[in-house]
Protein backbone atom coordinates (compact mmCIF):
# COMPACT_ATOMS: atom_id res chain seq x y z
CA MET A 1 22.56 -25.54 23.18
CA SER A 2 21.78 -23.73 26.47
CA LYS A 3 18.27 -23.45 27.83
CA TYR A 4 18.43 -19.68 27.25
CA THR A 5 19.24 -20.20 23.57
CA ILE A 6 16.34 -22.64 23.31
CA VAL A 7 13.98 -20.14 24.91
CA ILE A 8 15.12 -17.36 22.57
CA PHE A 9 14.81 -19.63 19.53
CA PHE A 10 11.35 -20.78 20.57
CA SER A 11 10.18 -17.21 21.19
CA LEU A 12 11.47 -16.07 17.80
CA PHE A 13 9.82 -19.07 16.10
CA THR A 14 6.50 -18.34 17.82
CA PHE A 15 6.71 -14.69 16.81
CA LEU A 16 7.42 -15.47 13.16
CA VAL A 17 4.69 -18.10 12.96
CA GLY A 18 2.24 -15.72 14.62
CA GLN A 19 3.08 -12.98 12.13
CA GLN A 20 2.63 -15.37 9.25
CA LEU A 21 -0.71 -16.64 10.50
CA LYS A 22 -2.06 -13.13 10.94
CA GLU A 23 -1.81 -12.72 7.19
CA PHE A 24 -4.44 -15.46 6.83
CA SER A 25 -6.99 -14.62 4.12
CA VAL A 26 -10.64 -15.08 4.98
CA HIS A 27 -11.43 -14.57 1.28
CA LYS A 28 -9.27 -17.60 0.47
CA TYR A 29 -10.51 -19.68 3.40
CA GLN A 30 -14.20 -19.13 2.68
CA ARG A 31 -13.65 -19.60 -1.05
CA GLU A 32 -12.16 -23.03 -0.32
CA GLU A 33 -14.94 -23.79 2.16
CA PHE A 34 -17.86 -22.81 -0.07
CA LYS A 35 -16.48 -22.92 -3.63
CA LEU A 36 -19.08 -24.15 -6.07
CA ASP A 37 -18.85 -26.42 -9.06
CA GLU A 38 -17.60 -24.16 -11.84
CA SER A 39 -19.41 -26.30 -14.40
CA GLN A 40 -22.84 -25.18 -13.19
CA LEU A 41 -24.68 -23.56 -16.07
CA SER A 42 -26.30 -20.15 -15.93
CA LYS A 43 -29.91 -19.57 -16.92
CA PHE A 44 -28.75 -16.43 -18.74
CA ALA A 45 -27.07 -16.08 -22.12
CA LEU A 46 -23.28 -16.20 -21.87
CA ASP A 47 -22.88 -13.55 -24.56
CA GLY A 48 -24.15 -10.90 -22.16
CA SER A 49 -27.39 -10.27 -24.01
CA GLY A 50 -30.16 -8.92 -21.85
CA ILE A 51 -27.83 -6.92 -19.61
CA ILE A 52 -28.52 -3.20 -19.34
CA PRO A 53 -25.72 -0.67 -18.85
CA LEU A 54 -25.35 1.48 -15.77
CA GLN A 55 -28.21 3.98 -15.58
CA PRO A 56 -27.78 7.52 -14.27
CA ASN A 57 -29.70 7.94 -11.05
CA LYS A 58 -30.24 11.46 -9.82
CA GLN A 59 -31.94 10.09 -6.72
CA LYS A 60 -28.81 8.27 -5.49
CA GLU A 61 -28.33 9.78 -2.05
CA LEU A 62 -25.37 7.93 -0.56
CA SER A 63 -22.75 10.25 0.88
CA LYS A 64 -19.92 7.70 0.59
CA ILE A 65 -18.94 4.64 -1.41
CA VAL A 66 -20.61 1.50 -0.04
CA PHE A 67 -18.79 -1.45 -1.59
CA GLY A 68 -19.94 -5.05 -1.07
CA TYR A 69 -18.40 -8.32 -2.19
CA MET A 70 -21.02 -10.78 -3.47
CA PRO A 71 -19.66 -14.38 -3.43
CA ASP A 72 -21.05 -16.82 -5.95
CA TRP A 73 -22.04 -19.23 -3.17
CA GLU A 74 -24.35 -16.52 -1.81
CA TYR A 75 -25.72 -15.87 -5.30
CA LYS A 76 -26.57 -19.57 -5.64
CA LYS A 77 -28.49 -19.42 -2.35
CA GLY A 78 -30.55 -16.52 -3.69
CA ALA A 79 -29.17 -14.06 -1.14
CA HIS A 80 -29.38 -11.26 -3.72
CA ALA A 81 -33.17 -11.30 -3.27
CA ASN A 82 -32.62 -9.57 0.10
CA MET A 83 -30.20 -6.89 -1.14
CA HIS A 84 -31.07 -3.22 -0.91
CA TYR A 85 -29.40 -2.16 -4.13
CA ASP A 86 -30.11 1.51 -3.48
CA LEU A 87 -27.90 1.36 -0.35
CA LEU A 88 -24.87 0.17 -2.33
CA THR A 89 -22.65 2.03 -4.76
CA HIS A 90 -20.65 -1.06 -5.82
CA ILE A 91 -21.23 -4.80 -5.97
CA ALA A 92 -18.06 -6.82 -6.52
CA ALA A 93 -18.90 -10.16 -8.13
CA PHE A 94 -16.68 -12.77 -6.45
CA ASP A 95 -14.86 -14.44 -8.01
CA PHE A 96 -13.20 -14.49 -11.42
CA PRO A 97 -10.27 -16.94 -10.91
CA VAL A 98 -7.11 -15.92 -12.79
CA SER A 99 -4.60 -18.58 -13.92
CA SER A 100 -0.86 -18.05 -14.09
CA SER A 101 -1.16 -17.61 -17.86
CA GLY A 102 -3.62 -14.73 -17.44
CA ASN A 103 -6.76 -16.65 -18.41
CA ILE A 104 -9.88 -15.81 -16.43
CA LYS A 105 -12.81 -18.06 -15.47
CA SER A 106 -16.25 -16.85 -14.40
CA PRO A 107 -18.08 -17.20 -11.08
CA SER A 108 -20.59 -20.01 -10.75
CA ARG A 109 -23.86 -19.43 -12.65
CA TRP A 110 -22.43 -16.44 -14.45
CA PRO A 111 -23.62 -14.09 -15.85
CA TRP A 112 -25.80 -12.73 -13.08
CA ASN A 113 -28.17 -10.74 -15.27
CA ASP A 114 -30.69 -10.29 -12.46
CA VAL A 115 -28.13 -8.77 -10.09
CA ILE A 116 -26.46 -6.63 -12.75
CA ASN A 117 -29.75 -5.24 -14.08
CA ALA A 118 -31.23 -4.61 -10.63
CA ALA A 119 -28.05 -2.78 -9.63
CA HIS A 120 -27.67 -0.81 -12.85
CA THR A 121 -31.31 0.30 -12.73
CA VAL A 122 -30.69 2.22 -9.49
CA GLY A 123 -27.22 3.46 -10.46
CA THR A 124 -25.21 0.85 -8.53
CA LYS A 125 -22.01 -0.33 -10.20
CA VAL A 126 -21.11 -4.01 -10.67
CA ILE A 127 -17.44 -4.90 -10.96
CA MET A 128 -15.54 -8.15 -11.45
CA THR A 129 -13.24 -9.46 -8.71
CA ALA A 130 -10.10 -11.03 -10.21
CA VAL A 131 -8.71 -13.55 -7.73
CA ASN A 132 -5.52 -15.52 -7.19
CA PHE A 133 -4.01 -16.65 -3.88
CA ASP A 134 -0.90 -18.49 -5.10
CA GLU A 135 2.40 -16.62 -4.84
CA ASP A 136 3.94 -18.30 -7.90
CA ASP A 137 0.87 -17.71 -10.06
CA ILE A 138 0.71 -14.07 -9.00
CA ARG A 139 4.39 -13.48 -9.72
CA LYS A 140 3.93 -14.75 -13.26
CA ILE A 141 0.74 -12.76 -13.85
CA ILE A 142 2.30 -9.49 -12.74
CA THR A 143 5.78 -9.91 -14.23
CA ASP A 144 5.53 -12.13 -17.32
CA LYS A 145 4.70 -10.00 -20.35
CA THR A 146 2.59 -12.64 -22.13
CA SER A 147 0.56 -13.51 -19.01
CA LYS A 148 0.04 -9.86 -18.21
CA GLN A 149 -1.19 -9.01 -21.70
CA LYS A 150 -3.54 -11.98 -21.65
CA PHE A 151 -4.94 -10.87 -18.28
CA PHE A 152 -5.45 -7.31 -19.53
CA ALA A 153 -7.19 -8.50 -22.70
CA GLU A 154 -9.43 -10.92 -20.80
CA THR A 155 -10.39 -8.22 -18.31
CA LYS A 156 -11.35 -5.87 -21.12
CA ARG A 157 -13.40 -8.58 -22.82
CA ILE A 158 -15.34 -9.48 -19.66
CA ILE A 159 -16.10 -5.87 -18.74
CA LYS A 160 -17.32 -5.08 -22.26
CA THR A 161 -19.32 -8.28 -22.72
CA TYR A 162 -21.24 -8.03 -19.46
CA LYS A 163 -21.40 -4.24 -19.29
CA LEU A 164 -19.50 -4.21 -16.01
CA ASP A 165 -18.13 -1.08 -14.40
CA GLY A 166 -14.58 -2.07 -13.54
CA ILE A 167 -12.32 -4.57 -11.82
CA ASN A 168 -11.20 -5.25 -8.26
CA VAL A 169 -7.92 -7.16 -8.02
CA ASP A 170 -7.80 -9.58 -5.08
CA PHE A 171 -4.29 -11.02 -5.24
CA GLU A 172 -3.23 -12.27 -1.80
CA GLY A 173 -0.20 -14.17 -0.48
CA LEU A 174 2.33 -12.45 -2.73
CA TYR A 175 6.03 -13.06 -2.26
CA LYS A 176 7.43 -10.40 0.04
CA ALA A 177 9.65 -9.13 -2.78
CA ASP A 178 6.55 -8.53 -4.93
CA ARG A 179 4.62 -6.47 -2.39
CA GLY A 180 6.21 -3.11 -3.19
CA SER A 181 7.12 -1.67 -6.55
CA VAL A 182 6.36 -4.90 -8.45
CA ILE A 183 2.65 -5.08 -7.64
CA ASN A 184 2.34 -1.28 -7.73
CA SER A 185 3.79 -1.12 -11.25
CA PHE A 186 1.42 -3.86 -12.36
CA MET A 187 -1.59 -2.03 -10.93
CA GLN A 188 -0.49 1.22 -12.56
CA GLU A 189 -0.22 -0.53 -15.94
CA LEU A 190 -3.64 -2.12 -15.50
CA THR A 191 -5.23 1.18 -14.47
CA THR A 192 -3.70 3.02 -17.41
CA PHE A 193 -4.87 0.27 -19.79
CA ILE A 194 -8.46 0.15 -18.51
CA HIS A 195 -8.81 3.93 -18.43
CA ALA A 196 -7.58 4.16 -22.03
CA GLU A 197 -9.50 1.19 -23.45
CA LEU A 198 -12.67 1.52 -21.35
CA PRO A 199 -13.10 5.16 -20.31
CA GLY A 200 -15.10 5.59 -17.13
CA LYS A 201 -14.37 2.11 -15.78
CA GLU A 202 -12.70 1.65 -12.40
CA VAL A 203 -9.68 -0.26 -11.11
CA SER A 204 -9.27 -1.09 -7.41
CA PHE A 205 -7.20 -3.38 -5.21
CA ALA A 206 -8.05 -5.49 -2.15
CA GLY A 207 -5.34 -4.32 0.23
CA PRO A 208 -4.01 -5.94 3.42
CA ALA A 209 -5.07 -4.61 6.79
CA VAL A 210 -1.70 -4.75 8.54
CA ASN A 211 1.51 -3.90 6.68
CA TRP A 212 3.68 -6.57 8.28
CA GLY A 213 7.35 -5.66 8.09
CA ASN A 214 6.50 -2.61 5.96
CA ARG A 215 6.81 -4.80 2.87
CA TRP A 216 3.93 -3.04 1.15
CA ASP A 217 4.27 0.45 -0.28
CA LEU A 218 0.67 1.32 0.53
CA ASP A 219 1.04 4.94 -0.54
CA GLY A 220 2.32 3.84 -3.93
CA LEU A 221 -0.39 1.17 -4.16
CA THR A 222 -3.11 3.74 -3.51
CA GLN A 223 -1.66 6.03 -6.18
CA SER A 224 -1.51 3.18 -8.71
CA CYS A 225 -5.28 2.63 -8.95
CA ASP A 226 -8.59 4.38 -8.38
CA TYR A 227 -9.04 3.18 -4.79
CA VAL A 228 -7.96 0.51 -2.30
CA PHE A 229 -10.37 -1.64 -0.32
CA ILE A 230 -8.83 -2.38 3.09
CA MET A 231 -9.67 -5.95 4.13
CA GLY A 232 -10.25 -4.83 7.72
CA TYR A 233 -10.73 -8.25 9.30
CA SER A 234 -9.00 -11.62 9.99
CA PHE A 235 -7.39 -10.38 13.20
CA TRP A 236 -8.64 -13.59 14.89
CA GLY A 237 -9.57 -16.84 13.19
CA LYS A 238 -9.15 -20.60 12.99
CA TRP A 239 -5.44 -20.31 13.79
CA SER A 240 -5.89 -18.33 17.02
CA SER A 241 -5.04 -19.78 20.42
CA THR A 242 -7.76 -17.67 22.05
CA ALA A 243 -11.22 -16.51 21.07
CA GLY A 244 -11.39 -12.91 19.93
CA PRO A 245 -12.77 -10.34 17.49
CA CYS A 246 -12.44 -10.51 13.70
CA ALA A 247 -11.94 -6.76 13.58
CA PRO A 248 -11.04 -5.04 16.88
CA LEU A 249 -11.53 -1.31 16.56
CA THR A 250 -9.27 -0.48 19.51
CA GLY A 251 -7.25 -2.05 22.29
CA PHE A 252 -4.34 -3.70 20.50
CA THR A 253 -1.03 -2.89 18.86
CA HIS A 254 -2.70 -3.84 15.58
CA ASP A 255 -6.38 -2.98 15.30
CA ILE A 256 -8.67 -1.19 12.86
CA THR A 257 -7.81 2.24 14.23
CA SER A 258 -4.07 1.65 13.85
CA VAL A 259 -4.64 0.24 10.35
CA VAL A 260 -6.31 3.47 9.23
CA THR A 261 -4.12 5.94 11.10
CA ASP A 262 -0.74 4.14 10.92
CA ASP A 263 -0.55 1.46 8.21
CA TYR A 264 -2.53 3.61 5.77
CA GLY A 265 -1.68 6.87 7.51
CA VAL A 266 0.20 8.38 4.56
CA PRO A 267 -2.42 7.77 1.83
CA VAL A 268 -5.20 8.70 4.27
CA SER A 269 -3.48 12.03 4.88
CA LYS A 270 -3.07 12.69 1.14
CA TYR A 271 -6.13 11.21 -0.59
CA PRO A 272 -8.53 9.68 1.93
CA GLN A 273 -11.23 9.51 -0.75
CA LYS A 274 -9.25 6.65 -2.34
CA ILE A 275 -9.49 4.45 0.76
CA ILE A 276 -12.45 2.12 1.48
CA LEU A 277 -12.64 0.53 4.93
CA GLY A 278 -13.87 -3.06 4.71
CA VAL A 279 -15.74 -4.61 7.66
CA PRO A 280 -16.79 -8.21 8.42
CA TYR A 281 -20.35 -9.47 8.19
CA TYR A 282 -19.04 -12.80 9.54
CA GLY A 283 -17.72 -14.05 12.87
CA HIS A 284 -15.97 -17.07 14.37
CA GLU A 285 -17.07 -19.77 16.80
CA TRP A 286 -14.75 -21.63 19.16
CA LYS A 287 -14.99 -24.17 21.93
CA THR A 288 -13.27 -22.45 24.83
CA GLU A 289 -11.80 -23.48 28.16
CA THR A 290 -13.73 -20.86 30.15
CA SER A 291 -16.56 -18.35 29.78
CA SER A 292 -14.23 -15.35 30.03
CA ALA A 293 -13.58 -13.01 27.12
CA TYR A 294 -10.43 -14.01 25.20
CA SER A 295 -10.52 -17.46 26.78
CA LYS A 296 -8.03 -20.02 25.54
CA VAL A 297 -9.38 -22.24 22.79
CA ASP A 298 -10.19 -25.74 24.03
CA THR A 299 -8.12 -27.59 21.44
CA ALA A 300 -8.46 -30.89 23.30
CA ASN A 301 -12.18 -30.91 22.49
CA GLY A 302 -12.15 -29.60 18.96
CA GLY A 303 -11.16 -25.95 19.41
CA TYR A 304 -12.14 -23.90 16.39
CA ILE A 305 -15.56 -24.78 14.95
CA SER A 306 -16.21 -22.55 11.92
CA SER A 307 -16.76 -19.09 10.59
CA THR A 308 -20.26 -17.78 11.24
CA ARG A 309 -22.74 -15.39 9.65
CA PHE A 310 -24.35 -12.29 11.09
CA TYR A 311 -27.89 -13.59 10.65
CA ASN A 312 -27.13 -16.66 12.77
CA ASP A 313 -25.00 -14.79 15.29
CA ILE A 314 -27.62 -12.19 16.11
CA ASP A 315 -30.26 -14.88 16.62
CA LYS A 316 -27.96 -16.81 18.96
CA ALA A 317 -27.17 -13.57 20.80
CA ASN A 318 -30.88 -13.04 21.40
CA ASN A 319 -31.07 -16.55 22.89
CA HIS A 320 -27.85 -16.58 24.92
CA GLY A 321 -27.36 -12.89 25.67
CA LEU A 322 -25.19 -10.41 23.82
CA GLN A 323 -21.88 -9.43 25.43
CA TRP A 324 -19.94 -6.24 24.72
CA ASP A 325 -16.15 -6.12 24.79
CA ALA A 326 -15.15 -2.56 25.65
CA LYS A 327 -11.51 -3.21 24.84
CA SER A 328 -12.04 -4.04 21.18
CA GLN A 329 -15.49 -2.42 20.86
CA THR A 330 -17.01 -5.54 19.39
CA ALA A 331 -19.83 -7.94 20.25
CA TRP A 332 -19.57 -11.52 21.41
CA LEU A 333 -21.63 -14.21 23.10
CA LYS A 334 -21.04 -17.26 25.22
CA TRP A 335 -23.05 -20.32 26.17
CA GLN A 336 -22.57 -23.74 27.64
CA GLU A 337 -23.45 -27.13 26.13
CA GLY A 338 -23.09 -29.57 28.97
CA SER A 339 -19.76 -28.64 30.50
CA GLN A 340 -18.36 -27.23 27.25
CA TRP A 341 -18.16 -23.46 26.76
CA HIS A 342 -18.69 -21.90 23.34
CA GLN A 343 -17.92 -18.36 22.20
CA ILE A 344 -18.80 -16.45 19.04
CA TRP A 345 -17.22 -13.08 18.28
CA PHE A 346 -18.82 -11.00 15.54
CA ASP A 347 -19.67 -7.46 14.51
CA ASP A 348 -23.17 -6.17 15.21
CA VAL A 349 -24.86 -2.82 14.57
CA ARG A 350 -23.11 -1.16 17.51
CA SER A 351 -19.59 -2.25 16.56
CA LEU A 352 -20.07 -1.54 12.84
CA ASP A 353 -21.47 1.88 13.71
CA ALA A 354 -18.22 2.65 15.55
CA LYS A 355 -16.13 1.56 12.55
CA TYR A 356 -18.24 3.68 10.20
CA ASN A 357 -17.69 6.62 12.54
CA LEU A 358 -13.94 6.10 12.18
CA ALA A 359 -14.27 6.09 8.38
CA THR A 360 -16.28 9.31 8.53
CA ALA A 361 -13.91 10.98 11.00
CA GLN A 362 -10.94 10.18 8.75
CA ASN A 363 -12.87 11.38 5.69
CA LEU A 364 -12.39 8.04 3.92
CA GLY A 365 -13.96 7.47 0.54
CA GLY A 366 -16.32 4.89 1.95
CA VAL A 367 -16.92 1.54 3.59
CA GLY A 368 -17.55 -1.98 2.39
CA MET A 369 -18.26 -5.48 3.58
CA TRP A 370 -17.25 -9.08 3.28
CA ALA A 371 -19.73 -10.27 2.36
CA LEU A 372 -23.16 -9.47 0.97
CA GLY A 373 -25.64 -12.17 1.90
CA TYR A 374 -24.12 -12.90 5.28
CA ASP A 375 -26.89 -10.86 6.92
CA GLY A 376 -29.59 -13.10 5.43
CA ASP A 377 -33.05 -11.56 5.37
CA LYS A 378 -32.40 -9.28 8.34
CA ASP A 379 -32.53 -5.53 7.83
CA ASP A 380 -30.35 -4.51 10.80
CA LEU A 381 -27.21 -3.82 8.78
CA TRP A 382 -29.09 -2.25 5.87
CA ASN A 383 -30.81 0.10 8.31
CA LEU A 384 -27.41 1.06 9.68
CA LEU A 385 -26.12 1.92 6.19
CA ASP A 386 -29.27 3.93 5.59
CA LYS A 387 -28.81 5.80 8.85
CA LYS A 388 -25.11 6.52 8.33
CA PHE A 389 -24.76 7.23 4.62
CA VAL A 390 -28.04 8.39 3.12
CA SER A 391 -27.15 12.05 2.97
CA VAL A 392 -30.45 13.56 1.84
CA ARG A 393 -33.80 12.24 2.96
CA ASP A 394 -36.95 13.78 1.55
CA GLU A 395 -39.37 13.62 4.45
CA ASN A 396 -42.05 15.30 2.28
CA VAL A 397 -42.46 12.26 0.03
CA ILE A 398 -45.75 10.60 1.01
CA PRO A 399 -45.36 6.81 1.34
CA ASN A 400 -47.72 4.45 -0.46
CA LYS A 401 -47.77 1.71 2.19
CA TYR A 402 -47.47 1.16 5.91
CA GLU A 403 -43.95 0.61 7.22
CA LEU A 404 -42.47 -0.17 10.62
CA SER A 405 -38.67 -0.25 10.54
CA GLN A 406 -36.26 -2.04 12.81
CA ASN A 407 -35.22 0.25 15.62
CA TYR A 408 -31.75 1.77 15.39
CA PRO A 409 -29.46 1.00 17.07
CA ASN A 410 -30.40 -2.50 18.17
CA PRO A 411 -29.27 -3.64 20.73
CA PHE A 412 -29.37 -0.22 22.39
CA ASN A 413 -28.61 1.58 25.64
CA PRO A 414 -30.58 3.52 26.75
CA ALA A 415 -32.23 5.20 23.73
CA THR A 416 -33.16 4.01 20.26
CA THR A 417 -35.04 5.44 17.27
CA ILE A 418 -38.10 3.83 15.69
CA ARG A 419 -39.30 4.88 12.23
CA TYR A 420 -42.69 4.24 10.72
CA SER A 421 -44.76 5.38 7.73
CA ILE A 422 -48.45 6.08 7.25
CA PRO A 423 -49.56 5.74 3.59
CA LYS A 424 -51.24 8.43 1.54
CA PHE A 425 -54.53 6.62 1.06
CA VAL A 426 -55.51 7.19 4.70
CA GLU A 427 -55.00 10.95 4.54
CA THR A 428 -58.05 13.16 4.24
CA GLN A 429 -58.66 16.88 4.45
CA ASN A 430 -60.82 16.38 7.54
CA LEU A 431 -58.53 16.40 10.56
CA ALA A 432 -61.11 14.61 12.68
CA SER A 433 -61.09 11.62 10.35
CA GLN A 434 -57.31 11.20 10.23
CA GLN A 435 -55.93 7.77 11.02
CA ARG A 436 -55.43 6.92 14.67
CA VAL A 437 -51.89 5.65 15.32
CA THR A 438 -50.64 3.89 18.43
CA LEU A 439 -47.08 2.72 19.01
CA LYS A 440 -46.45 0.87 22.25
CA VAL A 441 -43.64 -1.13 23.85
CA PHE A 442 -44.20 -4.40 25.73
CA ASP A 443 -41.99 -6.64 27.82
CA ILE A 444 -41.48 -10.33 27.08
CA LEU A 445 -44.56 -11.20 29.17
CA GLY A 446 -46.75 -8.91 27.08
CA ARG A 447 -47.06 -6.15 29.66
CA GLU A 448 -47.13 -2.61 28.30
CA VAL A 449 -44.09 -0.62 29.45
CA ALA A 450 -44.35 2.51 27.29
CA THR A 451 -46.72 4.35 24.95
CA LEU A 452 -44.71 6.23 22.34
CA VAL A 453 -47.52 7.40 20.05
CA ASN A 454 -51.29 7.64 20.58
CA LYS A 455 -52.85 10.24 18.30
CA ASN A 456 -54.26 11.04 14.89
CA GLN A 457 -51.61 11.50 12.20
CA LYS A 458 -51.52 12.52 8.55
CA ALA A 459 -49.87 10.36 5.93
CA GLY A 460 -46.11 10.70 6.09
CA ASN A 461 -42.84 9.43 7.51
CA TYR A 462 -42.25 9.58 11.24
CA GLU A 463 -39.67 8.69 13.82
CA VAL A 464 -39.81 8.56 17.59
CA VAL A 465 -37.12 8.07 20.22
CA PHE A 466 -37.68 5.41 22.88
CA ASN A 467 -35.69 6.04 26.07
CA ALA A 468 -35.50 2.91 28.21
CA SER A 469 -33.32 4.27 31.00
CA ASN A 470 -35.90 3.15 33.58
CA LEU A 471 -36.05 -0.44 32.30
CA THR A 472 -33.83 -3.44 32.90
CA SER A 473 -31.82 -5.23 30.21
CA GLY A 474 -33.76 -7.71 28.14
CA THR A 475 -35.89 -8.35 25.08
CA TYR A 476 -38.87 -6.09 24.40
CA PHE A 477 -41.40 -5.73 21.60
CA TYR A 478 -42.88 -2.65 19.92
CA ARG A 479 -46.19 -2.73 18.09
CA ILE A 480 -47.83 -0.23 15.81
CA VAL A 481 -51.58 -0.24 15.17
CA SER A 482 -53.24 2.02 12.59
CA GLY A 483 -56.59 1.17 11.10
CA GLU A 484 -56.44 -2.47 10.10
CA PHE A 485 -52.64 -2.47 10.01
CA SER A 486 -50.69 -3.98 12.90
CA LYS A 487 -47.06 -5.02 13.11
CA THR A 488 -44.80 -6.09 15.98
CA MET A 489 -40.99 -6.09 16.05
CA LYS A 490 -38.38 -7.03 18.63
CA LEU A 491 -35.77 -4.81 20.26
CA VAL A 492 -33.02 -5.61 22.77
CA LEU A 493 -31.98 -3.35 25.65
CA LEU A 494 -28.40 -4.06 26.70
CA LYS A 495 -27.08 -2.15 29.71
């Protein structure tokens, strides 16, 4: 064999392996990493008693679908205590494992009465996520008549018993031959069945980001169900030879923009309302050879470390400095431990804002995230959803308590908006006795750098724009004082 033949063979092998690895499923990986003991008992009745059905909510103001996966490992941690149910339209309970025979198991600690009832009270739907990642299992489920009928019957039983609002099918790793008409026919049958047996319930599919080799008929898939959730992430991961973004918006042959405009271009042009763009609330950490963006992974010293979570990433960014990659329009950070460089790439408010803008510009049905709970107790990403998708805001509603919200965006350059609320019990008819409000900005040494508000104000909701064009990059603090109320929050200027 000549050296040229060897080179060609090696290049082809590398290409094929690279293509295969880019179909890596973060849902599968994190499920294996965090999967809980399925024998754990729930504190709620397994017959579904105590669950309330979906309540109509005329106050629901979201302009688009906001669809979040809630993994059972996050439920166990109590992450649902931090959820803003009113900023979600759908919560997808992850996961209901499906066997090759069509039998379905429940997530750990199921049923989640507290989540279902809290969601249903404010008009947010809760759906089951049916999961299988084995190609042989999936082929049997979608082609074998007995397995299919069992799966359909089990799905109906679970939705009825727990007063759920539909099903999301997360079947990944299908045989290439099953990615076209086979899976589409299955989804059409399932949708027809659920619509007939359980009117008003929804059927959706977790779709791939990149249509490698055009094996998927994504137009047909979108037509076969109510909507498709694009898993818009896993572009870099544990398999990568360099550090890089989970979900690059731009800059590459395959990125989020090309996914929406090319891979899903046909269904987006026909029925964009049936497409949901999924974004990552997680990142990845590597040991790298250098401090440069897209540095080679230092495999000799451990290489890939783990997936990360937004709430940890943003804290580390505040300590080590947040970087911005203009090519991919995503955030990253770097730091050194001894002589070893580390990098984390993740999506922050700025990068997610850009992806949401793409979804809005393409008139998509909505956005979603993998996964709820990965933002911890931080409000940054909830505030972004509020800013982007709350379509009607009644500024005339008088608040009943003081509020100081996280500035948006954060980090920012050079301007950011700060919202605050003055409660009704301080309002009087005498203007002279109105509550004095001050809102000031300080640097990290405690020196005042700006006074944004210093006046008497009635009860109500307010917002003010802070322009920091005359300040240097760094961490600052803003503090509101009104009567006996005082609160300080942190903001980051990144130029």
